[in-house]
Amino acid sequence: MKTTAILVAAGSSQRMGFDKLAAPIDGKPVLARTLDAFLACEAITEILVICPPERFSLLDESTFTKPVRRIDGGAARHLSVANGLAAVSPNAELIAIHDAARPLVSQPDILATIAAASEHGAAALARRVTETLKRSDESDFTTVAVPRENLWFIETPQIFKVDLIQSAYAHVLENDLSVTDETSALEAIGVKTKLVPSTSPNPKITTPADLAGLDSDLPSSTDH
């Protein structure tokens, strides 16, 4: 199925203190590494990068092997995604939405999520919770353990058939909802998303500590 990728890269990086998408990983900006993953995926037919012009300038347009367009972002993540959805080519069948701050996403995980979305209509890459979870009181002392069965850390890409994600975002905008990811937008219209277990590290860069050691986590050329 023809799949458009939307890379969400419009955030301000306030928690970093600098532009995290410009930070180098093995000599290449985070944003460029994320784009490379989707350029390399044969199932992706076009890519929309939601970002300001100065951030798009981090990319080397001579390396684009398929259509790549820049789209302005919005004041919040869901508004940036809405801008991307409005710009998707009319022949797209699936839309893959990915946090540009996840530069290590692997080809097998992208393809597995595309396959699941093709079958179920909605799919998201995710990681099962394996650590012990605790609820705390207001002073950060433990109170009770939280059962971890059927709990997942939600990642991206999150991939959907076009009509589903467009309907979900129409509902979000019409009702002035604020959602932090697309599975929440689907849940708002009563649609479940199939979770696809991730098979390799896919961290989201949020704080400076998240950048430490990422060079050693780079996937091999056969995986990325």
N, C-alpha and C. Protein backbone atom coordinates (compact mmCIF):
# COMPACT_ATOMS: atom_id res chain seq x y z
N MET A 1 0.84 -1.18 0.00
CA MET A 1 0.00 0.00 0.00
C MET A 1 0.88 1.24 0.00
N LYS A 2 0.46 2.28 -0.73
CA LYS A 2 1.25 3.51 -0.80
C LYS A 2 1.21 4.22 0.55
N THR A 3 2.39 4.45 1.09
CA THR A 3 2.49 4.97 2.45
C THR A 3 3.23 6.30 2.47
N THR A 4 2.60 7.31 3.04
CA THR A 4 3.23 8.60 3.27
C THR A 4 3.72 8.66 4.71
N ALA A 5 4.96 9.08 4.89
CA ALA A 5 5.51 9.26 6.23
C ALA A 5 5.45 10.73 6.62
N ILE A 6 4.97 10.99 7.82
CA ILE A 6 4.98 12.33 8.41
C ILE A 6 5.97 12.31 9.57
N LEU A 7 7.06 13.07 9.43
CA LEU A 7 8.05 13.17 10.50
C LEU A 7 7.77 14.44 11.29
N VAL A 8 7.42 14.29 12.56
CA VAL A 8 7.04 15.41 13.40
C VAL A 8 8.31 15.99 14.02
N ALA A 9 8.68 17.20 13.57
CA ALA A 9 9.96 17.80 13.95
C ALA A 9 9.81 19.29 14.25
N ALA A 10 8.65 19.68 14.78
CA ALA A 10 8.38 21.10 14.98
C ALA A 10 8.54 21.55 16.41
N GLY A 11 8.91 20.65 17.33
CA GLY A 11 9.02 21.01 18.74
C GLY A 11 10.14 22.00 19.01
N SER A 12 10.08 22.65 20.16
CA SER A 12 11.03 23.71 20.49
C SER A 12 12.28 23.20 21.21
N SER A 13 12.29 21.92 21.64
CA SER A 13 13.43 21.34 22.37
C SER A 13 13.73 22.10 23.66
N GLN A 14 12.70 22.62 24.33
CA GLN A 14 12.92 23.41 25.54
C GLN A 14 13.61 22.63 26.64
N ARG A 15 13.29 21.32 26.77
CA ARG A 15 13.90 20.52 27.83
C ARG A 15 15.36 20.22 27.55
N MET A 16 15.79 20.39 26.30
CA MET A 16 17.19 20.12 25.95
C MET A 16 18.06 21.35 26.16
N GLY A 17 17.51 22.54 25.92
CA GLY A 17 18.32 23.75 25.98
C GLY A 17 19.03 24.05 24.67
N PHE A 18 18.88 23.17 23.69
CA PHE A 18 19.44 23.37 22.35
C PHE A 18 18.60 22.52 21.40
N ASP A 19 18.81 22.70 20.10
CA ASP A 19 18.01 21.97 19.12
C ASP A 19 18.47 20.51 19.07
N LYS A 20 17.69 19.63 19.70
CA LYS A 20 18.09 18.22 19.76
C LYS A 20 18.12 17.57 18.38
N LEU A 21 17.33 18.07 17.45
CA LEU A 21 17.30 17.47 16.12
C LEU A 21 18.52 17.84 15.29
N ALA A 22 19.26 18.85 15.77
CA ALA A 22 20.52 19.22 15.11
C ALA A 22 21.72 18.52 15.75
N ALA A 23 21.51 17.87 16.89
CA ALA A 23 22.62 17.21 17.58
C ALA A 23 23.19 16.09 16.72
N PRO A 24 24.51 15.97 16.66
CA PRO A 24 25.10 14.95 15.79
C PRO A 24 25.11 13.57 16.45
N ILE A 25 24.81 12.56 15.66
CA ILE A 25 25.01 11.17 16.03
C ILE A 25 25.94 10.58 14.97
N ASP A 26 27.14 10.24 15.39
CA ASP A 26 28.15 9.74 14.45
C ASP A 26 28.32 10.71 13.28
N GLY A 27 28.29 12.02 13.60
CA GLY A 27 28.56 13.04 12.60
C GLY A 27 27.38 13.49 11.77
N LYS A 28 26.19 12.96 12.03
CA LYS A 28 25.01 13.33 11.23
C LYS A 28 23.90 13.81 12.16
N PRO A 29 23.20 14.91 11.81
CA PRO A 29 22.13 15.40 12.68
C PRO A 29 21.05 14.35 12.93
N VAL A 30 20.47 14.41 14.12
CA VAL A 30 19.39 13.49 14.47
C VAL A 30 18.31 13.49 13.40
N LEU A 31 17.88 14.67 12.96
CA LEU A 31 16.81 14.75 11.97
C LEU A 31 17.20 14.03 10.68
N ALA A 32 18.44 14.18 10.25
CA ALA A 32 18.89 13.52 9.02
C ALA A 32 18.89 12.01 9.18
N ARG A 33 19.28 11.51 10.35
CA ARG A 33 19.28 10.07 10.58
C ARG A 33 17.85 9.51 10.54
N THR A 34 16.93 10.25 11.13
CA THR A 34 15.55 9.80 11.11
C THR A 34 15.02 9.78 9.68
N LEU A 35 15.30 10.83 8.93
CA LEU A 35 14.85 10.87 7.54
C LEU A 35 15.45 9.71 6.75
N ASP A 36 16.72 9.41 6.97
CA ASP A 36 17.39 8.32 6.25
C ASP A 36 16.64 7.00 6.40
N ALA A 37 16.11 6.75 7.59
CA ALA A 37 15.41 5.49 7.84
C ALA A 37 14.19 5.35 6.93
N PHE A 38 13.50 6.46 6.69
CA PHE A 38 12.29 6.41 5.86
C PHE A 38 12.62 6.52 4.38
N LEU A 39 13.71 7.21 4.05
CA LEU A 39 14.16 7.21 2.66
C LEU A 39 14.56 5.80 2.22
N ALA A 40 15.12 5.03 3.14
CA ALA A 40 15.59 3.69 2.81
C ALA A 40 14.47 2.66 2.73
N CYS A 41 13.30 3.00 3.23
CA CYS A 41 12.19 2.04 3.27
C CYS A 41 11.42 2.08 1.95
N GLU A 42 11.45 0.98 1.21
CA GLU A 42 10.82 0.94 -0.11
C GLU A 42 9.32 1.13 -0.04
N ALA A 43 8.71 0.82 1.10
CA ALA A 43 7.26 0.94 1.22
C ALA A 43 6.80 2.39 1.35
N ILE A 44 7.72 3.31 1.67
CA ILE A 44 7.37 4.72 1.83
C ILE A 44 7.49 5.42 0.49
N THR A 45 6.43 6.10 0.07
CA THR A 45 6.41 6.74 -1.25
C THR A 45 6.68 8.24 -1.19
N GLU A 46 6.39 8.88 -0.09
CA GLU A 46 6.69 10.30 0.09
C GLU A 46 6.88 10.58 1.56
N ILE A 47 7.59 11.67 1.86
CA ILE A 47 7.87 12.03 3.24
C ILE A 47 7.56 13.51 3.44
N LEU A 48 6.81 13.81 4.48
CA LEU A 48 6.53 15.19 4.88
C LEU A 48 7.27 15.45 6.18
N VAL A 49 8.11 16.47 6.19
CA VAL A 49 8.85 16.83 7.40
C VAL A 49 8.19 18.08 7.99
N ILE A 50 7.63 17.94 9.17
CA ILE A 50 6.92 19.05 9.82
C ILE A 50 7.93 19.81 10.67
N CYS A 51 8.39 20.94 10.16
CA CYS A 51 9.45 21.67 10.85
C CYS A 51 9.58 23.07 10.28
N PRO A 52 10.28 23.98 10.98
CA PRO A 52 10.56 25.31 10.45
C PRO A 52 11.65 25.24 9.38
N PRO A 53 11.76 26.27 8.54
CA PRO A 53 12.75 26.25 7.45
C PRO A 53 14.18 26.04 7.92
N GLU A 54 14.56 26.67 9.04
CA GLU A 54 15.95 26.54 9.49
C GLU A 54 16.28 25.12 9.91
N ARG A 55 15.31 24.38 10.42
CA ARG A 55 15.56 22.98 10.78
C ARG A 55 15.64 22.11 9.53
N PHE A 56 14.82 22.41 8.55
CA PHE A 56 14.86 21.64 7.30
C PHE A 56 16.22 21.79 6.62
N SER A 57 16.89 22.92 6.86
CA SER A 57 18.19 23.16 6.25
C SER A 57 19.27 22.23 6.79
N LEU A 58 18.98 21.48 7.86
CA LEU A 58 19.90 20.47 8.35
C LEU A 58 20.03 19.30 7.39
N LEU A 59 19.08 19.18 6.47
CA LEU A 59 19.02 18.02 5.58
C LEU A 59 19.74 18.31 4.27
N ASP A 60 20.36 17.31 3.73
CA ASP A 60 21.05 17.40 2.43
C ASP A 60 20.09 16.94 1.35
N GLU A 61 19.51 17.89 0.63
CA GLU A 61 18.49 17.56 -0.35
C GLU A 61 19.03 16.71 -1.50
N SER A 62 20.33 16.71 -1.69
CA SER A 62 20.90 15.88 -2.76
C SER A 62 20.79 14.39 -2.45
N THR A 63 20.49 14.05 -1.19
CA THR A 63 20.37 12.64 -0.80
C THR A 63 18.93 12.14 -0.89
N PHE A 64 17.99 13.02 -1.23
CA PHE A 64 16.58 12.61 -1.27
C PHE A 64 16.36 11.67 -2.45
N THR A 65 15.94 10.47 -2.18
CA THR A 65 15.68 9.47 -3.23
C THR A 65 14.19 9.30 -3.51
N LYS A 66 13.38 10.10 -2.86
CA LYS A 66 11.93 10.10 -3.10
C LYS A 66 11.42 11.48 -2.69
N PRO A 67 10.18 11.82 -3.02
CA PRO A 67 9.67 13.16 -2.70
C PRO A 67 9.71 13.45 -1.20
N VAL A 68 10.31 14.58 -0.85
CA VAL A 68 10.37 15.05 0.54
C VAL A 68 9.91 16.51 0.54
N ARG A 69 8.91 16.81 1.37
CA ARG A 69 8.41 18.19 1.44
C ARG A 69 8.42 18.68 2.88
N ARG A 70 8.67 19.97 3.04
CA ARG A 70 8.60 20.60 4.35
C ARG A 70 7.22 21.20 4.56
N ILE A 71 6.67 21.01 5.76
CA ILE A 71 5.36 21.56 6.12
C ILE A 71 5.53 22.31 7.44
N ASP A 72 4.93 23.48 7.54
CA ASP A 72 4.99 24.24 8.79
C ASP A 72 4.30 23.48 9.91
N GLY A 73 4.83 23.62 11.13
CA GLY A 73 4.23 23.01 12.29
C GLY A 73 3.18 23.90 12.93
N GLY A 74 2.56 23.37 13.99
CA GLY A 74 1.57 24.13 14.74
C GLY A 74 2.06 24.40 16.15
N ALA A 75 1.20 24.98 16.95
CA ALA A 75 1.57 25.38 18.31
C ALA A 75 1.68 24.18 19.25
N ALA A 76 1.12 23.06 18.89
CA ALA A 76 1.19 21.83 19.68
C ALA A 76 1.40 20.66 18.72
N ARG A 77 1.83 19.52 19.28
CA ARG A 77 2.16 18.38 18.42
C ARG A 77 0.98 17.96 17.55
N HIS A 78 -0.21 17.87 18.16
CA HIS A 78 -1.36 17.39 17.38
C HIS A 78 -1.72 18.36 16.26
N LEU A 79 -1.44 19.65 16.45
CA LEU A 79 -1.70 20.61 15.38
C LEU A 79 -0.67 20.48 14.27
N SER A 80 0.57 20.12 14.62
CA SER A 80 1.57 19.86 13.60
C SER A 80 1.18 18.65 12.76
N VAL A 81 0.71 17.60 13.44
CA VAL A 81 0.25 16.42 12.71
C VAL A 81 -0.91 16.76 11.80
N ALA A 82 -1.83 17.57 12.29
CA ALA A 82 -2.98 17.98 11.46
C ALA A 82 -2.52 18.71 10.22
N ASN A 83 -1.50 19.56 10.34
CA ASN A 83 -0.96 20.24 9.16
C ASN A 83 -0.39 19.24 8.17
N GLY A 84 0.28 18.22 8.68
CA GLY A 84 0.81 17.20 7.80
C GLY A 84 -0.28 16.41 7.10
N LEU A 85 -1.31 16.05 7.83
CA LEU A 85 -2.42 15.30 7.23
C LEU A 85 -3.08 16.09 6.11
N ALA A 86 -3.16 17.39 6.27
CA ALA A 86 -3.79 18.23 5.25
C ALA A 86 -2.97 18.30 3.97
N ALA A 87 -1.68 17.94 4.06
CA ALA A 87 -0.79 18.05 2.90
C ALA A 87 -0.47 16.72 2.23
N VAL A 88 -1.05 15.64 2.74
CA VAL A 88 -0.75 14.31 2.20
C VAL A 88 -1.27 14.18 0.77
N SER A 89 -0.52 13.53 -0.08
CA SER A 89 -0.93 13.32 -1.47
C SER A 89 -2.22 12.51 -1.53
N PRO A 90 -3.09 12.80 -2.49
CA PRO A 90 -4.39 12.13 -2.54
C PRO A 90 -4.32 10.64 -2.83
N ASN A 91 -3.19 10.15 -3.36
CA ASN A 91 -3.10 8.72 -3.66
C ASN A 91 -2.56 7.89 -2.50
N ALA A 92 -2.28 8.51 -1.37
CA ALA A 92 -1.76 7.78 -0.21
C ALA A 92 -2.84 6.85 0.34
N GLU A 93 -2.43 5.65 0.75
CA GLU A 93 -3.34 4.68 1.35
C GLU A 93 -3.10 4.52 2.85
N LEU A 94 -1.84 4.63 3.25
CA LEU A 94 -1.47 4.58 4.66
C LEU A 94 -0.68 5.81 5.01
N ILE A 95 -0.77 6.22 6.27
CA ILE A 95 0.03 7.35 6.76
C ILE A 95 0.80 6.89 7.99
N ALA A 96 2.12 7.04 7.92
CA ALA A 96 3.00 6.67 9.03
C ALA A 96 3.47 7.94 9.72
N ILE A 97 3.14 8.09 10.98
CA ILE A 97 3.50 9.28 11.74
C ILE A 97 4.60 8.90 12.73
N HIS A 98 5.71 9.64 12.67
CA HIS A 98 6.89 9.26 13.45
C HIS A 98 7.51 10.47 14.10
N ASP A 99 7.93 10.31 15.36
CA ASP A 99 8.65 11.37 16.06
C ASP A 99 10.05 11.48 15.46
N ALA A 100 10.40 12.65 14.96
CA ALA A 100 11.73 12.82 14.36
C ALA A 100 12.83 12.63 15.39
N ALA A 101 12.51 12.71 16.67
CA ALA A 101 13.50 12.52 17.73
C ALA A 101 13.73 11.05 18.05
N ARG A 102 13.24 10.15 17.20
CA ARG A 102 13.54 8.72 17.33
C ARG A 102 14.37 8.31 16.11
N PRO A 103 15.69 8.57 16.12
CA PRO A 103 16.50 8.35 14.93
C PRO A 103 16.96 6.92 14.71
N LEU A 104 16.73 6.02 15.67
CA LEU A 104 17.26 4.67 15.56
C LEU A 104 16.23 3.65 15.08
N VAL A 105 15.06 4.10 14.68
CA VAL A 105 14.03 3.15 14.24
C VAL A 105 14.57 2.29 13.10
N SER A 106 14.28 1.00 13.15
CA SER A 106 14.86 0.06 12.20
C SER A 106 13.92 -0.25 11.05
N GLN A 107 14.49 -0.70 9.95
CA GLN A 107 13.68 -1.10 8.79
C GLN A 107 12.71 -2.22 9.13
N PRO A 108 13.15 -3.31 9.80
CA PRO A 108 12.18 -4.36 10.12
C PRO A 108 10.99 -3.87 10.94
N ASP A 109 11.24 -2.93 11.87
CA ASP A 109 10.13 -2.44 12.70
C ASP A 109 9.19 -1.54 11.90
N ILE A 110 9.73 -0.72 11.00
CA ILE A 110 8.87 0.10 10.14
C ILE A 110 7.99 -0.81 9.29
N LEU A 111 8.60 -1.81 8.67
CA LEU A 111 7.86 -2.70 7.76
C LEU A 111 6.83 -3.54 8.51
N ALA A 112 7.18 -3.98 9.71
CA ALA A 112 6.22 -4.77 10.49
C ALA A 112 5.00 -3.93 10.88
N THR A 113 5.23 -2.66 11.18
CA THR A 113 4.12 -1.79 11.55
C THR A 113 3.25 -1.46 10.33
N ILE A 114 3.88 -1.29 9.18
CA ILE A 114 3.12 -1.09 7.94
C ILE A 114 2.25 -2.31 7.66
N ALA A 115 2.81 -3.49 7.82
CA ALA A 115 2.06 -4.72 7.56
C ALA A 115 0.86 -4.83 8.50
N ALA A 116 1.07 -4.51 9.76
CA ALA A 116 -0.03 -4.58 10.74
C ALA A 116 -1.12 -3.56 10.43
N ALA A 117 -0.70 -2.35 10.01
CA ALA A 117 -1.70 -1.33 9.66
C ALA A 117 -2.47 -1.73 8.41
N SER A 118 -1.80 -2.37 7.47
CA SER A 118 -2.49 -2.83 6.26
C SER A 118 -3.58 -3.85 6.62
N GLU A 119 -3.29 -4.68 7.62
CA GLU A 119 -4.24 -5.72 8.02
C GLU A 119 -5.33 -5.20 8.94
N HIS A 120 -4.94 -4.36 9.91
CA HIS A 120 -5.88 -3.97 10.97
C HIS A 120 -6.40 -2.54 10.84
N GLY A 121 -5.79 -1.74 9.97
CA GLY A 121 -6.23 -0.35 9.79
C GLY A 121 -5.47 0.63 10.66
N ALA A 122 -4.99 0.17 11.81
CA ALA A 122 -4.27 1.05 12.74
C ALA A 122 -3.24 0.21 13.48
N ALA A 123 -1.98 0.68 13.51
CA ALA A 123 -0.92 -0.06 14.19
C ALA A 123 0.11 0.92 14.74
N ALA A 124 0.74 0.53 15.85
CA ALA A 124 1.77 1.37 16.45
C ALA A 124 2.89 0.50 16.97
N LEU A 125 4.11 0.94 16.74
CA LEU A 125 5.26 0.27 17.34
C LEU A 125 5.25 0.53 18.84
N ALA A 126 5.56 -0.49 19.63
CA ALA A 126 5.48 -0.35 21.09
C ALA A 126 6.39 -1.36 21.76
N ARG A 127 6.65 -1.14 23.03
CA ARG A 127 7.53 -2.00 23.81
C ARG A 127 6.83 -2.39 25.10
N ARG A 128 6.80 -3.68 25.39
CA ARG A 128 6.16 -4.15 26.61
C ARG A 128 6.88 -3.60 27.85
N VAL A 129 6.11 -3.29 28.88
CA VAL A 129 6.69 -2.88 30.16
C VAL A 129 7.22 -4.12 30.86
N THR A 130 8.51 -4.13 31.15
CA THR A 130 9.12 -5.27 31.83
C THR A 130 9.65 -4.90 33.21
N GLU A 131 9.84 -3.61 33.48
CA GLU A 131 10.34 -3.17 34.77
C GLU A 131 9.22 -3.18 35.82
N THR A 132 9.63 -3.24 37.09
CA THR A 132 8.66 -3.09 38.18
C THR A 132 8.15 -1.66 38.20
N LEU A 133 6.83 -1.50 38.31
CA LEU A 133 6.21 -0.18 38.36
C LEU A 133 5.71 0.10 39.77
N LYS A 134 5.93 1.31 40.24
CA LYS A 134 5.46 1.72 41.56
C LYS A 134 4.71 3.04 41.46
N ARG A 135 3.64 3.15 42.24
CA ARG A 135 2.96 4.43 42.41
C ARG A 135 3.52 5.08 43.67
N SER A 136 3.73 6.41 43.62
CA SER A 136 4.29 7.12 44.77
C SER A 136 3.26 8.05 45.38
N ASP A 137 3.60 8.55 46.56
CA ASP A 137 2.80 9.61 47.14
C ASP A 137 3.35 10.95 46.68
N GLU A 138 2.79 12.05 47.20
CA GLU A 138 3.19 13.38 46.74
C GLU A 138 4.63 13.71 47.11
N SER A 139 5.23 12.96 48.07
CA SER A 139 6.61 13.20 48.49
C SER A 139 7.59 12.22 47.84
N ASP A 140 7.11 11.48 46.85
CA ASP A 140 7.94 10.54 46.08
C ASP A 140 8.38 9.32 46.88
N PHE A 141 7.56 8.90 47.84
CA PHE A 141 7.79 7.64 48.53
C PHE A 141 6.83 6.59 47.95
N THR A 142 7.30 5.35 47.86
CA THR A 142 6.48 4.30 47.27
C THR A 142 5.22 4.06 48.09
N THR A 143 4.14 3.74 47.37
CA THR A 143 2.88 3.39 48.03
C THR A 143 2.39 2.00 47.64
N VAL A 144 2.47 1.68 46.35
CA VAL A 144 1.94 0.39 45.91
C VAL A 144 2.55 0.04 44.56
N ALA A 145 2.69 -1.26 44.31
CA ALA A 145 3.15 -1.72 43.00
C ALA A 145 1.99 -1.67 42.00
N VAL A 146 2.32 -1.36 40.76
CA VAL A 146 1.32 -1.33 39.69
C VAL A 146 1.53 -2.55 38.81
N PRO A 147 0.51 -3.41 38.67
CA PRO A 147 0.68 -4.59 37.81
C PRO A 147 1.08 -4.18 36.40
N ARG A 148 2.08 -4.88 35.83
CA ARG A 148 2.59 -4.48 34.53
C ARG A 148 2.03 -5.32 33.39
N GLU A 149 1.18 -6.30 33.71
CA GLU A 149 0.58 -7.11 32.66
C GLU A 149 -0.21 -6.22 31.70
N ASN A 150 -0.03 -6.46 30.41
CA ASN A 150 -0.74 -5.74 29.34
C ASN A 150 -0.42 -4.24 29.31
N LEU A 151 0.71 -3.84 29.88
CA LEU A 151 1.15 -2.45 29.80
C LEU A 151 2.27 -2.33 28.78
N TRP A 152 2.24 -1.25 28.01
CA TRP A 152 3.21 -1.02 26.94
C TRP A 152 3.71 0.41 26.97
N PHE A 153 4.99 0.60 26.57
CA PHE A 153 5.50 1.92 26.23
C PHE A 153 5.20 2.14 24.75
N ILE A 154 4.47 3.19 24.43
CA ILE A 154 4.09 3.45 23.04
C ILE A 154 5.20 4.21 22.34
N GLU A 155 5.57 3.74 21.16
CA GLU A 155 6.62 4.37 20.37
C GLU A 155 6.01 4.86 19.05
N THR A 156 6.86 5.20 18.12
CA THR A 156 6.45 5.48 16.75
C THR A 156 7.44 4.77 15.83
N PRO A 157 7.04 4.46 14.59
CA PRO A 157 5.89 5.02 13.90
C PRO A 157 4.55 4.45 14.36
N GLN A 158 3.53 5.28 14.17
CA GLN A 158 2.14 4.87 14.31
C GLN A 158 1.52 5.04 12.92
N ILE A 159 0.92 3.96 12.43
CA ILE A 159 0.54 3.92 11.01
C ILE A 159 -0.94 3.57 10.88
N PHE A 160 -1.62 4.28 9.97
CA PHE A 160 -3.06 4.17 9.87
C PHE A 160 -3.53 4.25 8.42
N LYS A 161 -4.64 3.62 8.14
CA LYS A 161 -5.30 3.86 6.86
C LYS A 161 -5.78 5.31 6.86
N VAL A 162 -5.72 5.91 5.68
CA VAL A 162 -5.95 7.36 5.57
C VAL A 162 -7.29 7.78 6.15
N ASP A 163 -8.36 7.05 5.82
CA ASP A 163 -9.68 7.48 6.27
C ASP A 163 -9.79 7.45 7.80
N LEU A 164 -9.14 6.48 8.44
CA LEU A 164 -9.21 6.39 9.89
C LEU A 164 -8.52 7.56 10.57
N ILE A 165 -7.29 7.86 10.18
CA ILE A 165 -6.56 8.92 10.86
C ILE A 165 -7.15 10.29 10.53
N GLN A 166 -7.66 10.45 9.32
CA GLN A 166 -8.30 11.73 9.00
C GLN A 166 -9.59 11.92 9.80
N SER A 167 -10.36 10.85 9.96
CA SER A 167 -11.58 10.95 10.77
C SER A 167 -11.25 11.24 12.23
N ALA A 168 -10.20 10.59 12.73
CA ALA A 168 -9.81 10.80 14.12
C ALA A 168 -9.37 12.23 14.35
N TYR A 169 -8.59 12.78 13.43
CA TYR A 169 -8.12 14.15 13.62
C TYR A 169 -9.21 15.18 13.38
N ALA A 170 -10.15 14.88 12.51
CA ALA A 170 -11.30 15.77 12.36
C ALA A 170 -12.05 15.87 13.69
N HIS A 171 -12.19 14.73 14.37
CA HIS A 171 -12.86 14.71 15.67
C HIS A 171 -12.05 15.49 16.70
N VAL A 172 -10.73 15.29 16.71
CA VAL A 172 -9.85 16.00 17.64
C VAL A 172 -9.98 17.51 17.48
N LEU A 173 -9.93 17.96 16.23
CA LEU A 173 -9.98 19.41 15.97
C LEU A 173 -11.36 19.98 16.25
N GLU A 174 -12.40 19.27 15.86
CA GLU A 174 -13.76 19.77 16.07
C GLU A 174 -14.10 19.90 17.55
N ASN A 175 -13.50 19.02 18.37
CA ASN A 175 -13.82 19.01 19.79
C ASN A 175 -12.73 19.64 20.65
N ASP A 176 -11.76 20.26 19.98
CA ASP A 176 -10.68 20.96 20.66
C ASP A 176 -9.98 20.06 21.68
N LEU A 177 -9.70 18.82 21.26
CA LEU A 177 -9.00 17.87 22.11
C LEU A 177 -7.49 18.05 21.95
N SER A 178 -6.75 17.72 22.97
CA SER A 178 -5.29 17.73 22.90
C SER A 178 -4.80 16.31 23.12
N VAL A 179 -4.22 15.71 22.10
CA VAL A 179 -3.74 14.33 22.21
C VAL A 179 -2.23 14.32 22.02
N THR A 180 -1.57 13.44 22.74
CA THR A 180 -0.11 13.39 22.68
C THR A 180 0.40 12.36 21.68
N ASP A 181 -0.49 11.51 21.18
CA ASP A 181 -0.11 10.59 20.11
C ASP A 181 -1.35 10.20 19.33
N GLU A 182 -1.13 9.46 18.24
CA GLU A 182 -2.24 9.16 17.34
C GLU A 182 -3.11 8.01 17.84
N THR A 183 -2.56 7.11 18.65
CA THR A 183 -3.42 6.07 19.20
C THR A 183 -4.51 6.69 20.08
N SER A 184 -4.17 7.79 20.76
CA SER A 184 -5.17 8.49 21.58
C SER A 184 -6.24 9.14 20.71
N ALA A 185 -5.84 9.64 19.55
CA ALA A 185 -6.81 10.22 18.62
C ALA A 185 -7.77 9.15 18.12
N LEU A 186 -7.25 7.96 17.83
CA LEU A 186 -8.11 6.85 17.38
C LEU A 186 -9.05 6.41 18.48
N GLU A 187 -8.54 6.34 19.71
CA GLU A 187 -9.38 5.94 20.84
C GLU A 187 -10.53 6.91 21.04
N ALA A 188 -10.31 8.20 20.71
CA ALA A 188 -11.36 9.21 20.87
C ALA A 188 -12.55 8.96 19.96
N ILE A 189 -12.34 8.19 18.88
CA ILE A 189 -13.46 7.85 18.00
C ILE A 189 -13.82 6.36 18.12
N GLY A 190 -13.29 5.72 19.17
CA GLY A 190 -13.67 4.33 19.46
C GLY A 190 -12.95 3.28 18.65
N VAL A 191 -11.77 3.60 18.11
CA VAL A 191 -11.01 2.65 17.28
C VAL A 191 -9.76 2.20 18.03
N LYS A 192 -9.55 0.89 18.08
CA LYS A 192 -8.38 0.33 18.73
C LYS A 192 -7.21 0.26 17.75
N THR A 193 -6.00 0.33 18.29
CA THR A 193 -4.78 0.25 17.49
C THR A 193 -4.02 -1.02 17.84
N LYS A 194 -3.61 -1.76 16.83
CA LYS A 194 -2.81 -2.97 17.02
C LYS A 194 -1.39 -2.58 17.42
N LEU A 195 -0.87 -3.16 18.51
CA LEU A 195 0.48 -2.87 18.96
C LEU A 195 1.46 -3.88 18.38
N VAL A 196 2.56 -3.36 17.85
CA VAL A 196 3.58 -4.18 17.21
C VAL A 196 4.84 -4.13 18.07
N PRO A 197 5.29 -5.25 18.62
CA PRO A 197 6.47 -5.22 19.51
C PRO A 197 7.72 -4.77 18.76
N SER A 198 8.42 -3.79 19.29
CA SER A 198 9.67 -3.33 18.67
C SER A 198 10.76 -4.36 18.93
N THR A 199 11.66 -4.50 17.96
CA THR A 199 12.69 -5.53 18.04
C THR A 199 14.08 -4.96 18.24
N SER A 200 14.21 -3.64 18.26
CA SER A 200 15.52 -3.01 18.43
C SER A 200 15.33 -1.69 19.16
N PRO A 201 16.40 -1.11 19.73
CA PRO A 201 16.26 0.15 20.45
C PRO A 201 15.66 1.25 19.58
N ASN A 202 14.69 1.97 20.14
CA ASN A 202 14.02 3.03 19.41
C ASN A 202 13.73 4.19 20.37
N PRO A 203 14.76 4.69 21.07
CA PRO A 203 14.53 5.70 22.10
C PRO A 203 14.14 7.05 21.50
N LYS A 204 13.38 7.82 22.29
CA LYS A 204 13.05 9.18 21.92
C LYS A 204 13.98 10.12 22.67
N ILE A 205 14.66 10.98 21.93
CA ILE A 205 15.58 11.92 22.55
C ILE A 205 14.78 13.07 23.14
N THR A 206 14.86 13.20 24.47
CA THR A 206 14.10 14.23 25.18
C THR A 206 15.00 15.10 26.04
N THR A 207 16.00 14.49 26.67
CA THR A 207 16.94 15.22 27.53
C THR A 207 18.36 14.99 27.03
N PRO A 208 19.32 15.82 27.45
CA PRO A 208 20.71 15.62 27.02
C PRO A 208 21.24 14.22 27.32
N ALA A 209 20.79 13.63 28.43
CA ALA A 209 21.26 12.29 28.79
C ALA A 209 20.86 11.25 27.75
N ASP A 210 19.78 11.50 27.03
CA ASP A 210 19.32 10.54 26.02
C ASP A 210 20.28 10.43 24.85
N LEU A 211 21.10 11.46 24.64
CA LEU A 211 22.05 11.44 23.53
C LEU A 211 23.30 10.63 23.87
N ALA A 212 23.58 10.47 25.15
CA ALA A 212 24.81 9.80 25.57
C ALA A 212 24.81 8.36 25.10
N GLY A 213 25.87 7.98 24.41
CA GLY A 213 26.04 6.58 24.00
C GLY A 213 25.22 6.16 22.82
N LEU A 214 24.50 7.07 22.16
CA LEU A 214 23.67 6.66 21.03
C LEU A 214 24.49 6.14 19.87
N ASP A 215 25.72 6.64 19.70
CA ASP A 215 26.54 6.15 18.60
C ASP A 215 26.69 4.63 18.66
N SER A 216 26.81 4.09 19.87
CA SER A 216 27.00 2.66 20.01
C SER A 216 25.73 1.87 19.74
N ASP A 217 24.58 2.56 19.76
CA ASP A 217 23.31 1.90 19.51
C ASP A 217 22.87 1.98 18.04
N LEU A 218 23.69 2.60 17.18
CA LEU A 218 23.29 2.74 15.80
C LEU A 218 23.07 1.38 15.18
N PRO A 219 21.94 1.19 14.45
CA PRO A 219 21.73 -0.08 13.77
C PRO A 219 22.71 -0.26 12.64
N SER A 220 22.92 -1.50 12.24
CA SER A 220 23.81 -1.76 11.11
C SER A 220 23.16 -1.30 9.83
N SER A 221 23.94 -1.21 8.77
CA SER A 221 23.42 -0.73 7.48
C SER A 221 22.35 -1.64 6.94
N THR A 222 22.30 -2.90 7.37
CA THR A 222 21.28 -3.82 6.89
C THR A 222 19.97 -3.65 7.61
N ASP A 223 20.01 -2.97 8.77
CA ASP A 223 18.80 -2.79 9.56
C ASP A 223 18.21 -1.40 9.44
N HIS A 224 18.92 -0.43 8.90
CA HIS A 224 18.47 0.97 8.93
C HIS A 224 18.53 1.56 7.54
